[in-house]
Amino acid sequence: MNDSRYIITGLIVFIILVTFPFWANAGKAAPAPAPSLDTPAIQELPEKQCVEGTEYMRANHMKLLDEWRTQVVREGKRIYLASNGKEYEMSLEKTCLQCHANKAQFCDQCHNYLDVQPDCWTCHIEPKESK
C-alpha cells in the first residue's frame, strides 16, 4: 500500500468535486416570487376575493382546477359552491382568467420558480396580454 496517500488524496478531490454544487450554493436560494395582483379587472372589483382563500389557493389551485375539469367534463356540473357560500362558474377562462389575465406576471412567475409545467394550455387558449 505504498500508493495509499495518492488514493486518499484522489478520494478527497473526488468528494470535493462531486459535492461542490451543493455546498457552493448553500444559502443562495432564489427569492420566492410575489405574483402581481394589480390587474385592471381586480382593481375594478368591489370585493377582491378569489373562489377560495389565499392560502388555500396557493396550496391547492391545481387540485381545484383538476376537480373542476372532472366535474365539468365527466359529470356535467358547472357551478362551484365556495366555502363562503358563493357560487362560481367552473371555468378557467370565464372565472379565473377574468381576474388573473396577467399570465406572465401571475401564473408563469410561480410555475417557473417551482419548475412545473401545467397542461392548461393544451385544451384552453392561452390568454392574450395587453402591453
C-alpha atoms as a PDB file:
ATOM      1  CA  MET A   1       0.000   0.000   0.000  1.00  0.00           C
ATOM      2  CA  ASN A   2       2.670   2.493  -0.990  1.00  0.00           C
ATOM      3  CA  ASP A   3       0.059   4.367  -3.031  1.00  0.00           C
ATOM      4  CA  SER A   4      -2.366   4.933  -0.140  1.00  0.00           C
ATOM      5  CA  ARG A   5      -1.673   8.682   0.074  1.00  0.00           C
ATOM      6  CA  TYR A   6      -2.483   9.058  -3.660  1.00  0.00           C
ATOM      7  CA  ILE A   7      -5.661   7.057  -3.237  1.00  0.00           C
ATOM      8  CA  ILE A   8      -6.768   9.103  -0.214  1.00  0.00           C
ATOM      9  CA  THR A   9      -5.871  12.382  -1.969  1.00  0.00           C
ATOM     10  CA  GLY A  10      -7.793  11.262  -5.067  1.00  0.00           C
ATOM     11  CA  LEU A  11     -10.838  10.324  -2.958  1.00  0.00           C
ATOM     12  CA  ILE A  12     -10.781  13.705  -1.198  1.00  0.00           C
ATOM     13  CA  VAL A  13     -10.559  15.560  -4.534  1.00  0.00           C
ATOM     14  CA  PHE A  14     -13.362  13.397  -5.936  1.00  0.00           C
ATOM     15  CA  ILE A  15     -15.629  14.080  -2.934  1.00  0.00           C
ATOM     16  CA  ILE A  16     -14.943  17.821  -3.153  1.00  0.00           C
ATOM     17  CA  LEU A  17     -15.737  17.906  -6.881  1.00  0.00           C
ATOM     18  CA  VAL A  18     -18.912  15.839  -6.530  1.00  0.00           C
ATOM     19  CA  THR A  19     -20.287  17.844  -3.600  1.00  0.00           C
ATOM     20  CA  PHE A  20     -19.177  21.274  -4.889  1.00  0.00           C
ATOM     21  CA  PRO A  21     -22.570  22.294  -6.363  1.00  0.00           C
ATOM     22  CA  PHE A  22     -24.287  21.624  -3.034  1.00  0.00           C
ATOM     23  CA  TRP A  23     -22.017  23.474  -0.625  1.00  0.00           C
ATOM     24  CA  ALA A  24     -21.076  26.268  -3.047  1.00  0.00           C
ATOM     25  CA  ASN A  25     -24.741  27.287  -3.406  1.00  0.00           C
ATOM     26  CA  ALA A  26     -25.757  26.825   0.220  1.00  0.00           C
ATOM     27  CA  GLY A  27     -27.992  29.681   1.340  1.00  0.00           C
ATOM     28  CA  LYS A  28     -28.289  31.175  -2.146  1.00  0.00           C
ATOM     29  CA  ALA A  29     -31.844  30.133  -2.969  1.00  0.00           C
ATOM     30  CA  ALA A  30     -33.758  32.385  -5.294  1.00  0.00           C
ATOM     31  CA  PRO A  31     -36.355  34.561  -3.566  1.00  0.00           C
ATOM     32  CA  ALA A  32     -39.912  33.325  -3.818  1.00  0.00           C
ATOM     33  CA  PRO A  33     -41.943  35.221  -6.404  1.00  0.00           C
ATOM     34  CA  ALA A  34     -44.617  37.703  -5.432  1.00  0.00           C
ATOM     35  CA  PRO A  35     -47.315  37.381  -8.099  1.00  0.00           C
ATOM     36  CA  SER A  36     -48.802  40.636  -9.282  1.00  0.00           C
ATOM     37  CA  LEU A  37     -52.477  41.042  -8.478  1.00  0.00           C
ATOM     38  CA  ASP A  38     -52.518  44.517  -9.972  1.00  0.00           C
ATOM     39  CA  THR A  39     -54.772  43.956 -12.964  1.00  0.00           C
ATOM     40  CA  PRO A  40     -57.490  46.336 -14.121  1.00  0.00           C
ATOM     41  CA  ALA A  41     -60.120  43.621 -13.604  1.00  0.00           C
ATOM     42  CA  ILE A  42     -59.097  43.071  -9.979  1.00  0.00           C
ATOM     43  CA  GLN A  43     -58.880  46.804  -9.279  1.00  0.00           C
ATOM     44  CA  GLU A  44     -62.480  47.257 -10.505  1.00  0.00           C
ATOM     45  CA  LEU A  45     -63.870  44.587  -8.176  1.00  0.00           C
ATOM     46  CA  PRO A  46     -65.782  45.925  -5.166  1.00  0.00           C
ATOM     47  CA  GLU A  47     -64.662  42.895  -3.153  1.00  0.00           C
ATOM     48  CA  LYS A  48     -61.228  41.486  -4.006  1.00  0.00           C
ATOM     49  CA  GLN A  49     -61.787  37.807  -3.278  1.00  0.00           C
ATOM     50  CA  CYS A  50     -60.932  34.608  -5.125  1.00  0.00           C
ATOM     51  CA  VAL A  51     -63.123  31.495  -5.198  1.00  0.00           C
ATOM     52  CA  GLU A  52     -61.314  30.334  -2.038  1.00  0.00           C
ATOM     53  CA  GLY A  53     -58.915  31.916   0.447  1.00  0.00           C
ATOM     54  CA  THR A  54     -55.379  32.937  -0.489  1.00  0.00           C
ATOM     55  CA  GLU A  55     -53.575  30.201   1.441  1.00  0.00           C
ATOM     56  CA  TYR A  56     -55.913  27.526   0.088  1.00  0.00           C
ATOM     57  CA  MET A  57     -55.427  28.732  -3.481  1.00  0.00           C
ATOM     58  CA  ARG A  58     -51.637  28.848  -3.136  1.00  0.00           C
ATOM     59  CA  ALA A  59     -51.543  25.283  -1.912  1.00  0.00           C
ATOM     60  CA  ASN A  60     -54.400  23.706  -3.857  1.00  0.00           C
ATOM     61  CA  HIS A  61     -55.201  25.683  -7.018  1.00  0.00           C
ATOM     62  CA  MET A  62     -54.124  22.897  -9.376  1.00  0.00           C
ATOM     63  CA  LYS A  63     -56.051  20.312  -7.380  1.00  0.00           C
ATOM     64  CA  LEU A  64     -59.114  22.584  -7.525  1.00  0.00           C
ATOM     65  CA  LEU A  65     -58.748  23.051 -11.294  1.00  0.00           C
ATOM     66  CA  ASP A  66     -58.390  19.284 -11.782  1.00  0.00           C
ATOM     67  CA  GLU A  67     -61.548  18.704  -9.728  1.00  0.00           C
ATOM     68  CA  TRP A  68     -63.375  21.359 -11.773  1.00  0.00           C
ATOM     69  CA  ARG A  69     -62.266  19.697 -15.021  1.00  0.00           C
ATOM     70  CA  THR A  70     -63.522  16.303 -13.859  1.00  0.00           C
ATOM     71  CA  GLN A  71     -66.839  17.683 -12.644  1.00  0.00           C
ATOM     72  CA  VAL A  72     -67.475  19.731 -15.794  1.00  0.00           C
ATOM     73  CA  VAL A  73     -66.332  17.197 -18.393  1.00  0.00           C
ATOM     74  CA  ARG A  74     -67.459  13.932 -16.792  1.00  0.00           C
ATOM     75  CA  GLU A  75     -70.354  14.943 -14.567  1.00  0.00           C
ATOM     76  CA  GLY A  76     -71.738  17.988 -16.403  1.00  0.00           C
ATOM     77  CA  LYS A  77     -71.647  20.071 -13.216  1.00  0.00           C
ATOM     78  CA  ARG A  78     -70.825  23.732 -13.947  1.00  0.00           C
ATOM     79  CA  ILE A  79     -71.396  25.606 -10.672  1.00  0.00           C
ATOM     80  CA  TYR A  80     -68.870  25.590  -7.805  1.00  0.00           C
ATOM     81  CA  LEU A  81     -70.086  26.316  -4.294  1.00  0.00           C
ATOM     82  CA  ALA A  82     -67.224  28.003  -2.433  1.00  0.00           C
ATOM     83  CA  SER A  83     -66.590  27.591   1.283  1.00  0.00           C
ATOM     84  CA  ASN A  84     -68.053  31.088   1.851  1.00  0.00           C
ATOM     85  CA  GLY A  85     -71.356  30.050   0.205  1.00  0.00           C
ATOM     86  CA  LYS A  86     -70.857  31.954  -3.063  1.00  0.00           C
ATOM     87  CA  GLU A  87     -71.405  30.233  -6.397  1.00  0.00           C
ATOM     88  CA  TYR A  88     -68.887  30.451  -9.247  1.00  0.00           C
ATOM     89  CA  GLU A  89     -68.914  29.048 -12.765  1.00  0.00           C
ATOM     90  CA  MET A  90     -66.315  26.290 -13.028  1.00  0.00           C
ATOM     91  CA  SER A  91     -64.355  27.779 -15.907  1.00  0.00           C
ATOM     92  CA  LEU A  92     -60.687  28.633 -16.228  1.00  0.00           C
ATOM     93  CA  GLU A  93     -61.405  31.256 -18.884  1.00  0.00           C
ATOM     94  CA  LYS A  94     -64.640  32.753 -17.519  1.00  0.00           C
ATOM     95  CA  THR A  95     -63.805  32.691 -13.813  1.00  0.00           C
ATOM     96  CA  CYS A  96     -60.056  32.528 -13.165  1.00  0.00           C
ATOM     97  CA  LEU A  97     -58.687  34.412 -16.162  1.00  0.00           C
ATOM     98  CA  GLN A  98     -61.193  37.236 -15.790  1.00  0.00           C
ATOM     99  CA  CYS A  99     -59.133  38.483 -12.843  1.00  0.00           C
ATOM    100  CA  HIS A 100     -55.790  36.748 -13.409  1.00  0.00           C
ATOM    101  CA  ALA A 101     -55.322  37.822 -17.022  1.00  0.00           C
ATOM    102  CA  ASN A 102     -51.669  38.764 -16.473  1.00  0.00           C
ATOM    103  CA  LYS A 103     -50.380  35.224 -17.109  1.00  0.00           C
ATOM    104  CA  ALA A 104     -46.694  36.192 -17.402  1.00  0.00           C
ATOM    105  CA  GLN A 105     -46.706  38.044 -14.092  1.00  0.00           C
ATOM    106  CA  PHE A 106     -49.174  35.883 -12.204  1.00  0.00           C
ATOM    107  CA  CYS A 107     -49.023  32.268 -13.399  1.00  0.00           C
ATOM    108  CA  ASP A 108     -45.635  31.983 -15.075  1.00  0.00           C
ATOM    109  CA  GLN A 109     -43.691  33.565 -12.208  1.00  0.00           C
ATOM    110  CA  CYS A 110     -44.579  30.812  -9.747  1.00  0.00           C
ATOM    111  CA  HIS A 111     -44.599  27.980 -12.280  1.00  0.00           C
ATOM    112  CA  ASN A 112     -41.083  28.906 -13.443  1.00  0.00           C
ATOM    113  CA  TYR A 113     -39.837  29.269  -9.852  1.00  0.00           C
ATOM    114  CA  LEU A 114     -41.145  25.799  -8.964  1.00  0.00           C
ATOM    115  CA  ASP A 115     -40.212  24.360 -12.367  1.00  0.00           C
ATOM    116  CA  VAL A 116     -43.668  22.940 -13.026  1.00  0.00           C
ATOM    117  CA  GLN A 117     -45.302  22.790 -16.424  1.00  0.00           C
ATOM    118  CA  PRO A 118     -49.099  22.744 -16.070  1.00  0.00           C
ATOM    119  CA  ASP A 119     -51.033  21.462 -19.050  1.00  0.00           C
ATOM    120  CA  CYS A 120     -53.775  24.126 -19.000  1.00  0.00           C
ATOM    121  CA  TRP A 121     -52.949  25.371 -22.482  1.00  0.00           C
ATOM    122  CA  THR A 122     -53.282  22.002 -24.173  1.00  0.00           C
ATOM    123  CA  CYS A 123     -57.071  22.486 -24.028  1.00  0.00           C
ATOM    124  CA  HIS A 124     -57.527  26.189 -23.286  1.00  0.00           C
ATOM    125  CA  ILE A 125     -56.489  29.153 -25.388  1.00  0.00           C
ATOM    126  CA  GLU A 126     -53.583  30.964 -23.790  1.00  0.00           C
ATOM    127  CA  PRO A 127     -54.691  34.466 -22.749  1.00  0.00           C
ATOM    128  CA  LYS A 128     -53.513  37.427 -24.818  1.00  0.00           C
ATOM    129  CA  GLU A 129     -51.924  40.021 -22.606  1.00  0.00           C
ATOM    130  CA  SER A 130     -52.206  43.737 -23.194  1.00  0.00           C
ATOM    131  CA  LYS A 131     -48.931  45.585 -23.052  1.00  0.00           C
END
